[in-house]
Amino acid sequence: MAGSAADPRTPEPRALQIPASVDHLAEVRAFVRDCVADFGGSKRVADDLVQAVDEATCNVMLHGYRGKPGDIAIEAAVRDRNIEIRIMDRATAFDPTAAQARDAARPPAPTRIGGMGLGIELLRGMTDEVHHSVRPDGGNELTLVHSMDRPTQED
């Protein structure tokens, strides 16, 4: 995709494919940080997306593939001043967005032994939107959306 017809300054989408191994998480974080910088996002946007994408890809590696071989594809693009990051896998279908949002007035409570189960809350807190779909040919597609214009505590 060579930029938007409406705005030729729209940066080109970027993509990364990695084996589903925690050994590749540093590569994922660097990819997200570089994309946000290339797209014109702030350090705060980069920090939010790095943390959210790291959490999501780590969950795919540990829980989706359950230690078995697999691949994860990550695509990053800018649409209407939003950075969209899609994380795609071939693991068993699982919709993390189906979890009910917690009451913001109460502190989060782990849903699994060992303090696990708060990942979707992290994704919701670090992004503006989280969308899940089952891929037609198997696996999951998780889309994380973060506005480049969202006010931050630093602003």
C-alpha atoms as a PDB file:
ATOM      1  CA  MET A   1       0.000   0.000   0.000  1.00  0.00           C
ATOM      2  CA  ALA A   2       1.780   3.128  -1.180  1.00  0.00           C
ATOM      3  CA  GLY A   3       0.353   5.754   1.140  1.00  0.00           C
ATOM      4  CA  SER A   4      -3.218   6.898   1.253  1.00  0.00           C
ATOM      5  CA  ALA A   5      -4.836   8.452  -1.808  1.00  0.00           C
ATOM      6  CA  ALA A   6      -6.215  11.168   0.492  1.00  0.00           C
ATOM      7  CA  ASP A   7      -2.858  11.826   2.159  1.00  0.00           C
ATOM      8  CA  PRO A   8       0.349  10.805   0.367  1.00  0.00           C
ATOM      9  CA  ARG A   9       2.254  11.455   3.627  1.00  0.00           C
ATOM     10  CA  THR A  10       0.693   8.415   5.284  1.00  0.00           C
ATOM     11  CA  PRO A  11       3.583   6.107   6.193  1.00  0.00           C
ATOM     12  CA  GLU A  12       3.789   2.695   4.623  1.00  0.00           C
ATOM     13  CA  PRO A  13       2.484  -0.193   6.746  1.00  0.00           C
ATOM     14  CA  ARG A  14       5.174  -2.389   8.260  1.00  0.00           C
ATOM     15  CA  ALA A  15       5.221  -6.111   9.018  1.00  0.00           C
ATOM     16  CA  LEU A  16       7.205  -8.577  11.095  1.00  0.00           C
ATOM     17  CA  GLN A  17       6.948 -12.350  11.285  1.00  0.00           C
ATOM     18  CA  ILE A  18       8.574 -14.257  14.140  1.00  0.00           C
ATOM     19  CA  PRO A  19       8.584 -17.744  15.610  1.00  0.00           C
ATOM     20  CA  ALA A  20       6.325 -17.979  18.678  1.00  0.00           C
ATOM     21  CA  SER A  21       9.205 -18.006  21.162  1.00  0.00           C
ATOM     22  CA  VAL A  22       9.903 -15.618  24.040  1.00  0.00           C
ATOM     23  CA  ASP A  23      13.416 -15.358  22.592  1.00  0.00           C
ATOM     24  CA  HIS A  24      11.867 -12.993  20.002  1.00  0.00           C
ATOM     25  CA  LEU A  25      10.086 -10.585  22.373  1.00  0.00           C
ATOM     26  CA  ALA A  26      12.935  -8.038  22.229  1.00  0.00           C
ATOM     27  CA  GLU A  27      12.596  -8.036  18.431  1.00  0.00           C
ATOM     28  CA  VAL A  28       8.845  -7.399  18.776  1.00  0.00           C
ATOM     29  CA  ARG A  29       9.402  -4.507  21.186  1.00  0.00           C
ATOM     30  CA  ALA A  30      12.010  -2.922  18.899  1.00  0.00           C
ATOM     31  CA  PHE A  31       9.703  -3.326  15.888  1.00  0.00           C
ATOM     32  CA  VAL A  32       6.815  -1.579  17.667  1.00  0.00           C
ATOM     33  CA  ARG A  33       9.027   1.237  18.980  1.00  0.00           C
ATOM     34  CA  ASP A  34      10.528   1.810  15.487  1.00  0.00           C
ATOM     35  CA  CYS A  35       7.078   1.782  13.838  1.00  0.00           C
ATOM     36  CA  VAL A  36       5.632   4.322  16.269  1.00  0.00           C
ATOM     37  CA  ALA A  37       8.651   6.602  15.757  1.00  0.00           C
ATOM     38  CA  ASP A  38       8.426   6.268  11.957  1.00  0.00           C
ATOM     39  CA  PHE A  39       4.681   6.966  12.105  1.00  0.00           C
ATOM     40  CA  GLY A  40       5.219  10.153  14.140  1.00  0.00           C
ATOM     41  CA  GLY A  41       3.911   8.908  17.489  1.00  0.00           C
ATOM     42  CA  SER A  42       5.185  10.195  20.813  1.00  0.00           C
ATOM     43  CA  LYS A  43       7.366   8.324  23.283  1.00  0.00           C
ATOM     44  CA  ARG A  44       4.262   7.830  25.454  1.00  0.00           C
ATOM     45  CA  VAL A  45       2.357   6.219  22.567  1.00  0.00           C
ATOM     46  CA  ALA A  46       5.376   4.010  21.887  1.00  0.00           C
ATOM     47  CA  ASP A  47       5.637   2.990  25.548  1.00  0.00           C
ATOM     48  CA  ASP A  48       1.919   2.121  25.684  1.00  0.00           C
ATOM     49  CA  LEU A  49       1.985   0.090  22.481  1.00  0.00           C
ATOM     50  CA  VAL A  50       5.252  -1.671  23.309  1.00  0.00           C
ATOM     51  CA  GLN A  51       3.787  -2.851  26.604  1.00  0.00           C
ATOM     52  CA  ALA A  52       0.447  -3.881  25.070  1.00  0.00           C
ATOM     53  CA  VAL A  53       1.976  -5.733  22.107  1.00  0.00           C
ATOM     54  CA  ASP A  54       4.530  -7.427  24.359  1.00  0.00           C
ATOM     55  CA  GLU A  55       1.725  -8.676  26.629  1.00  0.00           C
ATOM     56  CA  ALA A  56      -0.404  -9.878  23.713  1.00  0.00           C
ATOM     57  CA  THR A  57       2.407 -11.674  21.864  1.00  0.00           C
ATOM     58  CA  CYS A  58       3.713 -13.237  25.068  1.00  0.00           C
ATOM     59  CA  ASN A  59       0.214 -14.582  25.760  1.00  0.00           C
ATOM     60  CA  VAL A  60       0.049 -16.103  22.283  1.00  0.00           C
ATOM     61  CA  MET A  61       3.433 -17.736  22.814  1.00  0.00           C
ATOM     62  CA  LEU A  62       2.727 -19.109  26.278  1.00  0.00           C
ATOM     63  CA  HIS A  63      -1.011 -19.789  26.224  1.00  0.00           C
ATOM     64  CA  GLY A  64      -2.009 -19.918  22.552  1.00  0.00           C
ATOM     65  CA  TYR A  65       0.690 -22.220  21.237  1.00  0.00           C
ATOM     66  CA  ARG A  66       1.423 -23.719  24.677  1.00  0.00           C
ATOM     67  CA  GLY A  67       5.093 -24.222  23.940  1.00  0.00           C
ATOM     68  CA  LYS A  68       4.489 -25.814  20.544  1.00  0.00           C
ATOM     69  CA  PRO A  69       6.010 -24.376  17.368  1.00  0.00           C
ATOM     70  CA  GLY A  70       4.117 -21.634  15.591  1.00  0.00           C
ATOM     71  CA  ASP A  71       4.473 -18.234  14.034  1.00  0.00           C
ATOM     72  CA  ILE A  72       3.197 -14.782  14.871  1.00  0.00           C
ATOM     73  CA  ALA A  73       2.728 -12.063  12.263  1.00  0.00           C
ATOM     74  CA  ILE A  74       2.593  -8.450  13.391  1.00  0.00           C
ATOM     75  CA  GLU A  75       1.463  -5.619  11.139  1.00  0.00           C
ATOM     76  CA  ALA A  76       1.553  -1.917  11.989  1.00  0.00           C
ATOM     77  CA  ALA A  77      -0.179   0.872  10.080  1.00  0.00           C
ATOM     78  CA  VAL A  78      -1.535   4.394  10.514  1.00  0.00           C
ATOM     79  CA  ARG A  79      -5.182   5.072   9.749  1.00  0.00           C
ATOM     80  CA  ASP A  80      -6.878   8.379  10.565  1.00  0.00           C
ATOM     81  CA  ARG A  81      -4.212   9.413  13.133  1.00  0.00           C
ATOM     82  CA  ASN A  82      -4.514   6.030  14.843  1.00  0.00           C
ATOM     83  CA  ILE A  83      -1.735   3.492  15.020  1.00  0.00           C
ATOM     84  CA  GLU A  84      -3.176   0.027  14.468  1.00  0.00           C
ATOM     85  CA  ILE A  85      -1.187  -3.054  15.332  1.00  0.00           C
ATOM     86  CA  ARG A  86      -2.524  -6.436  14.246  1.00  0.00           C
ATOM     87  CA  ILE A  87      -1.199  -9.588  15.869  1.00  0.00           C
ATOM     88  CA  MET A  88      -2.019 -12.751  13.949  1.00  0.00           C
ATOM     89  CA  ASP A  89      -1.430 -16.363  14.888  1.00  0.00           C
ATOM     90  CA  ARG A  90      -2.552 -19.909  14.080  1.00  0.00           C
ATOM     91  CA  ALA A  91      -3.139 -20.918  17.712  1.00  0.00           C
ATOM     92  CA  THR A  92      -6.436 -22.198  19.070  1.00  0.00           C
ATOM     93  CA  ALA A  93      -9.102 -19.525  18.778  1.00  0.00           C
ATOM     94  CA  PHE A  94      -9.397 -17.458  21.948  1.00  0.00           C
ATOM     95  CA  ASP A  95     -11.095 -14.079  22.340  1.00  0.00           C
ATOM     96  CA  PRO A  96      -9.472 -12.090  25.155  1.00  0.00           C
ATOM     97  CA  THR A  97     -11.930  -9.236  24.574  1.00  0.00           C
ATOM     98  CA  ALA A  98     -14.821 -11.445  25.704  1.00  0.00           C
ATOM     99  CA  ALA A  99     -13.768 -10.879  29.318  1.00  0.00           C
ATOM    100  CA  GLN A 100     -16.042  -8.390  31.010  1.00  0.00           C
ATOM    101  CA  ALA A 101     -14.426  -5.040  31.746  1.00  0.00           C
ATOM    102  CA  ARG A 102     -13.745  -4.599  35.437  1.00  0.00           C
ATOM    103  CA  ASP A 103     -15.301  -1.913  37.624  1.00  0.00           C
ATOM    104  CA  ALA A 104     -12.787   0.946  37.548  1.00  0.00           C
ATOM    105  CA  ALA A 105     -13.646   1.829  41.154  1.00  0.00           C
ATOM    106  CA  ARG A 106     -12.294  -1.528  42.384  1.00  0.00           C
ATOM    107  CA  PRO A 107      -8.681  -2.700  42.143  1.00  0.00           C
ATOM    108  CA  PRO A 108      -8.075  -5.538  39.673  1.00  0.00           C
ATOM    109  CA  ALA A 109      -8.148  -9.041  41.058  1.00  0.00           C
ATOM    110  CA  PRO A 110      -6.147 -11.838  39.412  1.00  0.00           C
ATOM    111  CA  THR A 111      -8.377 -14.404  37.767  1.00  0.00           C
ATOM    112  CA  ARG A 112      -5.852 -17.242  37.858  1.00  0.00           C
ATOM    113  CA  ILE A 113      -3.487 -18.647  40.457  1.00  0.00           C
ATOM    114  CA  GLY A 114      -0.166 -16.807  40.483  1.00  0.00           C
ATOM    115  CA  GLY A 115      -1.667 -13.428  39.633  1.00  0.00           C
ATOM    116  CA  MET A 116      -2.327 -14.251  36.004  1.00  0.00           C
ATOM    117  CA  GLY A 117      -5.382 -13.143  34.040  1.00  0.00           C
ATOM    118  CA  LEU A 118      -4.995  -9.358  34.031  1.00  0.00           C
ATOM    119  CA  GLY A 119      -3.617  -9.119  30.489  1.00  0.00           C
ATOM    120  CA  ILE A 120      -6.830  -7.876  28.874  1.00  0.00           C
ATOM    121  CA  GLU A 121      -7.034  -5.104  31.488  1.00  0.00           C
ATOM    122  CA  LEU A 122      -3.509  -4.084  30.546  1.00  0.00           C
ATOM    123  CA  LEU A 123      -4.412  -4.081  26.842  1.00  0.00           C
ATOM    124  CA  ARG A 124      -7.514  -1.991  27.496  1.00  0.00           C
ATOM    125  CA  GLY A 125      -5.557   0.465  29.631  1.00  0.00           C
ATOM    126  CA  MET A 126      -2.668   0.908  27.201  1.00  0.00           C
ATOM    127  CA  THR A 127      -4.770   1.316  24.044  1.00  0.00           C
ATOM    128  CA  ASP A 128      -7.929   3.058  22.865  1.00  0.00           C
ATOM    129  CA  GLU A 129      -9.464  -0.032  21.279  1.00  0.00           C
ATOM    130  CA  VAL A 130      -8.919  -3.793  21.314  1.00  0.00           C
ATOM    131  CA  HIS A 131     -10.592  -5.992  18.689  1.00  0.00           C
ATOM    132  CA  HIS A 132     -10.450  -9.756  18.187  1.00  0.00           C
ATOM    133  CA  SER A 133     -11.545 -11.943  15.325  1.00  0.00           C
ATOM    134  CA  VAL A 134     -11.093 -15.581  14.455  1.00  0.00           C
ATOM    135  CA  ARG A 135      -9.204 -15.889  11.188  1.00  0.00           C
ATOM    136  CA  PRO A 136     -11.195 -17.654   8.453  1.00  0.00           C
ATOM    137  CA  ASP A 137      -8.452 -20.237   7.960  1.00  0.00           C
ATOM    138  CA  GLY A 138      -7.790 -20.716  11.679  1.00  0.00           C
ATOM    139  CA  GLY A 139      -6.113 -18.752  14.426  1.00  0.00           C
ATOM    140  CA  ASN A 140      -6.617 -15.311  15.881  1.00  0.00           C
ATOM    141  CA  GLU A 141      -6.278 -11.699  14.849  1.00  0.00           C
ATOM    142  CA  LEU A 142      -5.984  -9.162  17.645  1.00  0.00           C
ATOM    143  CA  THR A 143      -5.994  -5.493  16.687  1.00  0.00           C
ATOM    144  CA  LEU A 144      -4.722  -2.847  19.092  1.00  0.00           C
ATOM    145  CA  VAL A 145      -5.539   0.782  18.269  1.00  0.00           C
ATOM    146  CA  HIS A 146      -3.883   3.817  19.850  1.00  0.00           C
ATOM    147  CA  SER A 147      -4.598   7.411  18.891  1.00  0.00           C
ATOM    148  CA  MET A 148      -1.561   9.531  18.145  1.00  0.00           C
ATOM    149  CA  ASP A 149      -3.546  12.511  19.479  1.00  0.00           C
ATOM    150  CA  ARG A 150      -4.782  11.099  22.809  1.00  0.00           C
ATOM    151  CA  PRO A 151      -3.827  13.428  25.641  1.00  0.00           C
ATOM    152  CA  THR A 152      -1.343  11.934  28.053  1.00  0.00           C
ATOM    153  CA  GLN A 153      -0.251  12.828  31.553  1.00  0.00           C
ATOM    154  CA  GLU A 154       2.909  14.286  30.008  1.00  0.00           C
ATOM    155  CA  ASP A 155       0.947  16.771  27.848  1.00  0.00           C
END
